[in-house]
């Protein structure tokens, strides 16, 4: 759940999510200069360039610009699945927790969660869970993974484990889909290309509006036939636009300039984790910070995560998210400096010490 809007004069450092990233002046200038046309007719040159770029980066035949990552997931489910079909995914996956039951409403698909480790499940779990359809059992159509994992704290799927999961799915005639909202965080952290990560997936998408710094948009990729079907769903649920080149230009700029700099966010996240690791009542393992997310436990402070986050905001102007009763998550991103991270570190440590005295 998103927090209530706060007074901007109260909020000093916002670590709630990398969705708070704002386009830089250079990106805004690039957007303003974009060539535009009617994207529904295929006449917007900036949209066409972005889609061709993403398709090439991911090794797919085609791609499609959409307003949001949630729409990317939901359209992918709708194209792959028939009513009643099941989608196997990890219990913490974004479509289960943060997409308002869209699969049930839009595609009439059933989300079937399995328990993973750090948001990752195995090929053996796919083999165990996937059974042929019967008159009672609707059967599976799709296996979906999330790279990097969101609620578990930005963990990177190992390439071989991911490929094994896809192989197990394909051996059972299932389709595979990647929620690649933070795929490029995984690319930067691992040194493995987006092309390699994408190879075994029938569909996947990347988000432009998180660490890449664009104000809006995701790009869904797959085969030509898949994207043709996705276009119909885009029109059906109101995702089609007109002169969308301004949006596409932000994505083009981001892919040219903002991928490598994700390493700065990763360094800041680890710096934060190290800085709070000795605070009283806080449990965090800096070695588990793989990308731009720091997830830590505040149960030892005697406060719930919501109480801790509320006091951190009102007392020090630092906003974080609360993915669990005792869990806090903080995410550095473009616009959050090392000085901001150090100030947030001091705030978290100060609050922990204050709670210990109480």
Protein backbone atom coordinates (compact mmCIF):
# COMPACT_ATOMS: atom_id res chain seq x y z
CA UNK A 1 0.00 0.00 0.00
CA UNK A 2 1.28 3.42 -0.89
CA UNK A 3 1.72 5.91 1.95
CA UNK A 4 -0.54 8.89 2.37
CA UNK A 5 0.79 12.01 0.61
CA UNK A 6 3.08 13.98 2.89
CA UNK A 7 3.83 17.64 3.23
CA UNK A 8 6.74 18.33 0.88
CA UNK A 9 8.31 20.54 3.53
CA UNK A 10 8.43 17.52 5.85
CA UNK A 11 9.92 15.07 3.35
CA UNK A 12 13.69 15.44 2.95
CA UNK A 13 14.86 12.06 1.65
CA UNK A 14 12.44 9.72 -0.11
CA UNK A 15 13.65 6.10 -0.12
CA UNK A 16 10.18 4.61 -0.49
CA UNK A 17 10.73 3.44 -4.07
CA UNK A 18 12.81 4.07 -7.17
CA UNK A 19 9.51 5.08 -8.80
CA UNK A 20 10.24 8.47 -7.21
CA UNK A 21 12.99 8.99 -9.79
CA UNK A 22 12.46 12.21 -11.73
CA UNK A 23 13.66 12.95 -15.27
CA UNK A 24 16.84 14.99 -15.38
CA UNK A 25 17.08 18.32 -17.17
CA UNK A 26 18.94 16.58 -20.01
CA UNK A 27 16.20 13.98 -20.37
CA UNK A 28 13.51 16.67 -20.36
CA UNK A 29 15.33 18.62 -23.09
CA UNK A 30 15.61 15.42 -25.14
CA UNK A 31 11.89 14.78 -24.69
CA UNK A 32 10.99 18.28 -25.80
CA UNK A 33 12.96 17.84 -29.01
CA UNK A 34 11.39 14.47 -29.88
CA UNK A 35 9.85 13.84 -33.26
CA UNK A 36 6.26 12.67 -32.83
CA UNK A 37 3.40 11.20 -34.82
CA UNK A 38 0.38 8.97 -34.37
CA UNK A 39 1.70 5.85 -32.61
CA UNK A 40 -1.54 3.95 -33.24
CA UNK A 41 -0.86 4.20 -36.97
CA UNK A 42 2.82 3.32 -36.54
CA UNK A 43 3.76 6.87 -37.55
CA UNK A 44 5.54 8.08 -34.41
CA UNK A 45 9.27 7.87 -35.21
CA UNK A 46 10.37 8.12 -31.58
CA UNK A 47 8.04 5.30 -30.49
CA UNK A 48 9.22 3.19 -33.40
CA UNK A 49 12.87 3.80 -32.50
CA UNK A 50 12.31 2.88 -28.86
CA UNK A 51 10.44 -0.32 -29.76
CA UNK A 52 13.09 -1.37 -32.26
CA UNK A 53 15.85 -0.66 -29.72
CA UNK A 54 14.22 -2.69 -26.96
CA UNK A 55 13.42 -5.61 -29.26
CA UNK A 56 17.06 -5.73 -30.33
CA UNK A 57 18.38 -5.43 -26.77
CA UNK A 58 16.18 -8.33 -25.67
CA UNK A 59 16.60 -10.47 -28.78
CA UNK A 60 12.90 -10.49 -29.64
CA UNK A 61 11.10 -9.91 -32.93
CA UNK A 62 9.06 -6.94 -31.76
CA UNK A 63 8.13 -4.82 -28.77
CA UNK A 64 5.36 -2.48 -27.69
CA UNK A 65 5.42 0.73 -25.64
CA UNK A 66 2.81 0.70 -22.86
CA UNK A 67 1.94 3.25 -20.17
CA UNK A 68 2.96 1.04 -17.23
CA UNK A 69 4.66 -2.15 -16.15
CA UNK A 70 1.43 -3.43 -14.65
CA UNK A 71 -0.19 -3.14 -18.08
CA UNK A 72 2.77 -5.07 -19.53
CA UNK A 73 2.17 -7.95 -17.13
CA UNK A 74 -1.59 -7.95 -17.56
CA UNK A 75 -1.49 -7.84 -21.34
CA UNK A 76 1.07 -10.64 -21.38
CA UNK A 77 -1.19 -12.79 -19.20
CA UNK A 78 -4.17 -11.98 -21.42
CA UNK A 79 -2.31 -12.95 -24.60
CA UNK A 80 -0.83 -16.15 -23.21
CA UNK A 81 -3.82 -17.44 -21.21
CA UNK A 82 -7.36 -18.58 -21.81
CA UNK A 83 -10.01 -18.12 -19.09
CA UNK A 84 -9.27 -20.40 -16.16
CA UNK A 85 -5.65 -21.10 -17.13
CA UNK A 86 -3.13 -20.94 -14.31
CA UNK A 87 0.01 -18.84 -14.07
CA UNK A 88 2.73 -20.24 -11.83
CA UNK A 89 4.71 -17.53 -10.05
CA UNK A 90 6.45 -16.89 -6.73
CA UNK A 91 4.37 -15.98 -3.69
CA UNK A 92 5.83 -12.47 -3.41
CA UNK A 93 5.42 -11.59 -7.09
CA UNK A 94 4.11 -8.17 -8.09
CA UNK A 95 0.97 -9.43 -9.93
CA UNK A 96 -0.19 -11.10 -6.71
CA UNK A 97 0.34 -8.13 -4.41
CA UNK A 98 0.31 -4.93 -6.43
CA UNK A 99 -1.86 -5.25 -9.53
CA UNK A 100 -5.35 -5.12 -8.00
CA UNK A 101 -6.32 -8.63 -9.08
CA UNK A 102 -5.93 -7.68 -12.71
CA UNK A 103 -5.41 -11.21 -14.01
CA UNK A 104 -8.75 -12.34 -12.57
CA UNK A 105 -10.55 -9.34 -14.06
CA UNK A 106 -8.89 -8.95 -17.46
CA UNK A 107 -7.82 -12.41 -18.59
CA UNK A 108 -9.74 -14.63 -16.12
CA UNK A 109 -6.44 -16.36 -15.38
CA UNK A 110 -5.68 -17.94 -12.02
CA UNK A 111 -2.44 -16.95 -10.28
CA UNK A 112 -0.88 -20.01 -8.62
CA UNK A 113 1.84 -19.03 -6.11
CA UNK A 114 4.74 -21.21 -5.01
CA UNK A 115 7.15 -20.55 -2.15
CA UNK A 116 10.62 -19.60 -3.30
CA UNK A 117 13.84 -18.46 -1.66
CA UNK A 118 14.52 -14.74 -2.09
CA UNK A 119 11.70 -14.72 -4.64
CA UNK A 120 13.29 -17.48 -6.72
CA UNK A 121 11.72 -20.89 -7.30
CA UNK A 122 13.24 -23.92 -8.99
CA UNK A 123 12.79 -26.16 -11.99
CA UNK A 124 11.97 -28.99 -9.59
CA UNK A 125 9.08 -26.94 -8.22
CA UNK A 126 7.78 -26.38 -11.73
CA UNK A 127 7.99 -30.14 -12.39
CA UNK A 128 6.24 -30.92 -9.11
CA UNK A 129 3.41 -28.41 -9.43
CA UNK A 130 2.56 -28.57 -13.12
CA UNK A 131 0.04 -31.33 -13.80
CA UNK A 132 -2.02 -31.98 -16.93
CA UNK A 133 -5.45 -30.43 -17.09
CA UNK A 134 -8.47 -32.57 -16.24
CA UNK A 135 -12.21 -31.88 -16.08
CA UNK A 136 -11.57 -30.65 -12.52
CA UNK A 137 -8.13 -29.11 -12.82
CA UNK A 138 -7.73 -26.20 -15.26
CA UNK A 139 -4.03 -26.75 -15.89
CA UNK A 140 -1.14 -24.33 -16.33
CA UNK A 141 -0.47 -22.12 -19.30
CA UNK A 142 2.34 -19.81 -18.14
CA UNK A 143 5.32 -19.60 -15.77
CA UNK A 144 6.29 -16.07 -14.73
CA UNK A 145 9.40 -14.82 -12.94
CA UNK A 146 10.44 -11.42 -11.60
CA UNK A 147 13.93 -10.02 -12.28
CA UNK A 148 15.00 -8.55 -9.93
CA UNK A 149 12.67 -9.65 -7.14
CA UNK A 150 10.68 -6.80 -5.63
CA UNK A 151 9.31 -7.63 -2.18
CA UNK A 152 12.25 -9.91 -1.30
CA UNK A 153 14.59 -6.95 -1.74
CA UNK A 154 16.14 -6.66 -5.19
CA UNK A 155 17.60 -10.15 -5.41
CA UNK A 156 19.03 -11.29 -8.74
CA UNK A 157 17.84 -14.55 -10.30
CA UNK A 158 20.86 -16.74 -11.17
CA UNK A 159 20.94 -17.18 -14.94
CA UNK A 160 21.21 -20.97 -14.89
CA UNK A 161 18.36 -21.33 -12.39
CA UNK A 162 16.20 -19.07 -14.52
CA UNK A 163 17.02 -21.03 -17.65
CA UNK A 164 16.28 -24.32 -15.89
CA UNK A 165 12.86 -23.00 -14.85
CA UNK A 166 12.15 -22.01 -18.46
CA UNK A 167 13.31 -25.39 -19.74
CA UNK A 168 11.02 -27.17 -17.27
CA UNK A 169 8.12 -24.99 -18.40
CA UNK A 170 8.77 -25.49 -22.11
CA UNK A 171 9.14 -29.26 -21.65
CA UNK A 172 5.55 -29.19 -20.37
CA UNK A 173 4.31 -27.01 -23.26
CA UNK A 174 3.98 -23.90 -21.10
CA UNK A 175 4.88 -20.35 -22.05
CA UNK A 176 7.35 -18.26 -20.05
CA UNK A 177 7.17 -14.58 -19.07
CA UNK A 178 9.59 -12.28 -17.27
CA UNK A 179 8.52 -9.29 -15.24
CA UNK A 180 11.70 -7.37 -15.99
CA UNK A 181 10.83 -4.17 -14.16
CA UNK A 182 14.39 -4.01 -12.82
CA UNK A 183 16.10 -6.25 -15.35
CA UNK A 184 18.88 -3.73 -15.93
CA UNK A 185 19.68 -3.68 -12.22
CA UNK A 186 20.35 -7.41 -12.59
CA UNK A 187 22.41 -6.76 -15.72
CA UNK A 188 24.61 -4.20 -13.97
CA UNK A 189 24.96 -6.27 -10.80
CA UNK A 190 25.81 -9.55 -12.55
CA UNK A 191 27.55 -8.47 -15.74
CA UNK A 192 25.18 -10.74 -17.68
CA UNK A 193 23.55 -9.10 -20.69
CA UNK A 194 19.85 -8.42 -21.02
CA UNK A 195 19.99 -10.52 -24.19
CA UNK A 196 21.20 -13.55 -22.23
CA UNK A 197 18.62 -13.12 -19.49
CA UNK A 198 15.84 -12.76 -22.07
CA UNK A 199 16.80 -15.65 -24.32
CA UNK A 200 14.58 -18.38 -22.84
CA UNK A 201 11.47 -16.24 -22.34
CA UNK A 202 8.52 -16.07 -24.69
CA UNK A 203 7.69 -12.58 -23.44
CA UNK A 204 9.20 -10.01 -21.10
CA UNK A 205 9.19 -6.31 -20.42
CA UNK A 206 11.39 -3.58 -19.04
CA UNK A 207 10.34 -0.59 -16.97
CA UNK A 208 11.48 2.87 -17.99
CA UNK A 209 10.19 4.73 -14.93
CA UNK A 210 12.18 3.22 -12.07
CA UNK A 211 15.97 3.42 -11.87
CA UNK A 212 16.22 4.36 -15.54
CA UNK A 213 14.67 7.70 -14.65
CA UNK A 214 11.91 8.15 -17.24
CA UNK A 215 8.60 9.60 -16.01
CA UNK A 216 6.36 6.90 -17.47
CA UNK A 217 6.26 3.69 -19.45
CA UNK A 218 7.21 0.08 -19.92
CA UNK A 219 8.08 -1.86 -23.07
CA UNK A 220 6.74 -5.39 -23.65
CA UNK A 221 8.65 -7.67 -26.04
CA UNK A 222 8.05 -11.01 -27.73
CA UNK A 223 7.36 -12.59 -31.10
CA UNK A 224 5.68 -10.65 -33.89
CA UNK A 225 2.45 -12.62 -33.35
CA UNK A 226 2.55 -12.03 -29.60
CA UNK A 227 2.96 -8.27 -30.07
CA UNK A 228 0.15 -8.15 -32.63
CA UNK A 229 -2.15 -9.74 -30.05
CA UNK A 230 -0.77 -7.42 -27.36
CA UNK A 231 -1.63 -4.42 -29.55
CA UNK A 232 -5.28 -5.45 -29.58
CA UNK A 233 -5.24 -5.66 -25.77
CA UNK A 234 -3.50 -2.29 -25.59
CA UNK A 235 -6.35 -0.78 -27.58
CA UNK A 236 -8.98 -2.71 -25.63
CA UNK A 237 -7.97 -1.48 -22.17
CA UNK A 238 -7.11 2.08 -23.09
CA UNK A 239 -3.34 1.90 -23.37
CA UNK A 240 -3.13 3.19 -26.93
CA UNK A 241 -1.85 6.74 -27.27
CA UNK A 242 -1.38 9.30 -30.02
CA UNK A 243 1.73 11.51 -30.10
CA UNK A 244 3.58 9.32 -27.62
CA UNK A 245 7.03 10.24 -28.92
CA UNK A 246 7.64 12.50 -25.93
CA UNK A 247 7.23 9.48 -23.65
CA UNK A 248 9.30 7.27 -25.93
CA UNK A 249 12.09 9.84 -26.08
CA UNK A 250 12.54 9.59 -22.32
CA UNK A 251 12.99 5.85 -22.73
CA UNK A 252 15.48 6.28 -25.56
CA UNK A 253 17.51 8.70 -23.46
CA UNK A 254 17.36 6.38 -20.45
CA UNK A 255 18.62 3.38 -22.38
CA UNK A 256 21.50 5.41 -23.79
CA UNK A 257 22.57 7.17 -20.59
CA UNK A 258 21.10 5.65 -17.43
CA UNK A 259 21.89 1.93 -17.42
CA UNK A 260 25.52 1.98 -16.27
CA UNK A 261 24.76 4.56 -13.59
CA UNK A 262 22.54 2.02 -11.81
CA UNK A 263 25.81 0.85 -10.22
CA UNK A 264 25.75 4.09 -8.19
CA UNK A 265 22.38 3.10 -6.72
CA UNK A 266 23.72 -0.33 -5.85
CA UNK A 267 26.73 1.19 -4.11
CA UNK A 268 24.50 3.57 -2.17
CA UNK A 269 22.23 0.72 -1.10
CA UNK A 270 25.15 -1.29 0.23
CA UNK A 271 26.54 1.82 1.95
CA UNK A 272 23.22 2.28 3.73
CA UNK A 273 23.09 -1.38 4.77
CA UNK A 274 26.61 -1.28 6.18
CA UNK A 275 25.88 2.00 7.96
CA UNK A 276 22.82 0.70 9.84
CA UNK A 277 24.11 -2.83 10.47
CA UNK A 278 25.28 -2.01 14.01
CA UNK A 279 22.21 0.01 15.02
CA UNK A 280 20.46 -1.47 18.08
CA UNK A 281 17.53 -3.73 17.27
CA UNK A 282 18.08 -3.67 13.51
CA UNK A 283 18.86 -6.82 11.58
CA UNK A 284 20.36 -6.44 8.12
CA UNK A 285 22.96 -8.37 6.15
CA UNK A 286 24.89 -6.07 3.79
CA UNK A 287 26.06 -9.12 1.83
CA UNK A 288 22.44 -9.74 0.79
CA UNK A 289 22.18 -6.30 -0.82
CA UNK A 290 22.67 -7.25 -4.46
CA UNK A 291 21.15 -4.26 -6.26
CA UNK A 292 19.40 -1.05 -5.21
CA UNK A 293 17.21 -2.32 -2.35
CA UNK A 294 17.95 -2.55 1.36
CA UNK A 295 15.54 -4.70 3.34
CA UNK A 296 15.98 -4.76 7.10
CA UNK A 297 14.12 -6.00 10.17
CA UNK A 298 13.20 -3.70 13.06
CA UNK A 299 11.54 -6.23 15.38
CA UNK A 300 14.42 -5.88 17.82
CA UNK A 301 13.65 -2.20 18.31
CA UNK A 302 10.27 -3.02 19.84
CA UNK A 303 8.48 -1.04 17.14
CA UNK A 304 6.40 -2.31 14.25
CA UNK A 305 7.58 -1.42 10.77
CA UNK A 306 4.73 1.08 10.39
CA UNK A 307 5.58 2.79 13.69
CA UNK A 308 9.27 2.87 12.79
CA UNK A 309 8.55 4.34 9.34
CA UNK A 310 6.14 6.92 10.76
CA UNK A 311 8.61 8.16 13.34
CA UNK A 312 11.43 8.18 10.82
CA UNK A 313 9.37 10.41 8.55
CA UNK A 314 8.03 12.82 11.16
CA UNK A 315 11.27 13.06 13.12
CA UNK A 316 13.90 13.03 10.40
CA UNK A 317 12.08 13.53 7.09
CA UNK A 318 13.10 10.12 5.70
CA UNK A 319 10.44 8.01 3.99
CA UNK A 320 10.75 4.22 3.61
CA UNK A 321 8.31 1.42 2.79
CA UNK A 322 6.96 -1.33 5.04
CA UNK A 323 6.64 -4.63 3.13
CA UNK A 324 6.01 -6.63 6.32
CA UNK A 325 5.05 -6.27 10.00
CA UNK A 326 8.69 -5.85 11.01
CA UNK A 327 10.25 -5.30 7.57
CA UNK A 328 11.50 -1.99 6.20
CA UNK A 329 12.71 -1.41 2.66
CA UNK A 330 14.78 1.54 1.46
CA UNK A 331 15.69 2.13 -2.19
CA UNK A 332 18.29 4.63 -3.45
CA UNK A 333 17.89 5.82 -7.04
CA UNK A 334 18.83 8.58 -9.47
CA UNK A 335 18.63 11.82 -7.49
CA UNK A 336 19.58 10.24 -4.16
CA UNK A 337 23.19 11.20 -3.43
CA UNK A 338 25.77 9.63 -1.17
CA UNK A 339 25.19 12.53 1.23
CA UNK A 340 21.48 11.68 1.26
CA UNK A 341 22.31 8.07 2.05
CA UNK A 342 24.59 9.13 4.90
CA UNK A 343 21.91 11.41 6.31
CA UNK A 344 19.32 8.62 6.07
CA UNK A 345 21.78 6.28 7.79
CA UNK A 346 22.19 8.71 10.68
CA UNK A 347 18.42 9.09 10.94
CA UNK A 348 17.77 5.33 11.07
CA UNK A 349 20.52 4.81 13.64
CA UNK A 350 19.27 7.72 15.75
CA UNK A 351 15.73 6.36 15.78
CA UNK A 352 16.96 2.88 16.68
CA UNK A 353 18.96 4.33 19.57
CA UNK A 354 15.96 6.38 20.71
CA UNK A 355 13.77 3.26 20.71
CA UNK A 356 16.43 1.35 22.65
CA UNK A 357 16.41 4.03 25.37
CA UNK A 358 12.64 3.83 25.57
